């Protein structure tokens, strides 16, 4: 590896170590930033330049090229955010004399509404997951009980899928009605479990104690959802694939169904039933309520319906205007 490239790699690694140690950045965030920064460093290297010598024109040209290649605005915005933080870090450390990112305009982001499912569709998925646990044995039973428990907990709590699959068994200690979980930035929060979710979890946890000795070793681990993979627990991708297979079996479009869509459904359905935005923010683990405000369309629709159905003059005015 050329010296310049090795230097770039060292700078990027040091920056990511800082994010992990000082800001508690999640592994998925670190991986995404690594890809973004490595990609920009490779482009600079092709031009015979290094990260230390980057100028605003380099960044603008890179963003323009990615836009022309069809990269989504959200991905370009994340890239620019990574570059801003990275070069600010280099400037603060004295590696570069001046940060080249101020003044660079980010891509215009729309505010798309989160994809979600109706309550009936969620019920359909949960019922299908429950039915799959019946009439199966061995590892098929483990897999079915695990998926049912995962979905019940996901819809009951609105947890991020990364938080859910990496739960340690230690969350089972204490009050069985709640989990204490660690979310983004190392922030801890309590999430409540309803009776249905707890029952599905208990059924899963009993596997290996009912004569299924061939699967018992799978449960002798620190993780709640153990796997033979490198991480030791079920991956986000594996859970998403199982969920899409379940959706397909119920007649739902698998493209509409994912763990994150169930998180959106949790939030939307709570608001639709009268929950306040601040409570939903706390349950979702959002550091800033502005992140939760993407769900305000649910509140707006409910308020419109409330006024239309109950305001004493609403129907009179509608009749006059018809």
Foldseek 3Di string as FASTA:
>chain_A
DDPLLVVLVVLLVVLLVCCCVPQVADPVLSVLLVVLSNVLQVVQVVVVHHPQPDALVSLLVVLVVCVVVPDDLVSQQSSLVSLQSSQVVCCVVVVHVDRRNPPDDGDDDDLDFAQADDPVLLVLLLVLLVVQCPPDDAPSNLVSLVLNLLSLQCLQQLEDLVFSFAAWPVQCPDDLQWGWTQDGSRDTAITGHDPVSSVSLVVSVCPCVPPNVVCVVQCPDRGSAADPDPVRTDDQVNSQVVSLVSCVVSVHHSVSDGSNNSSVHSLLVCVLVPDDLVVNCRSHVPPDSVVSCSSCVSVVVSVVVCCCVDPPCNVVVVVVVD
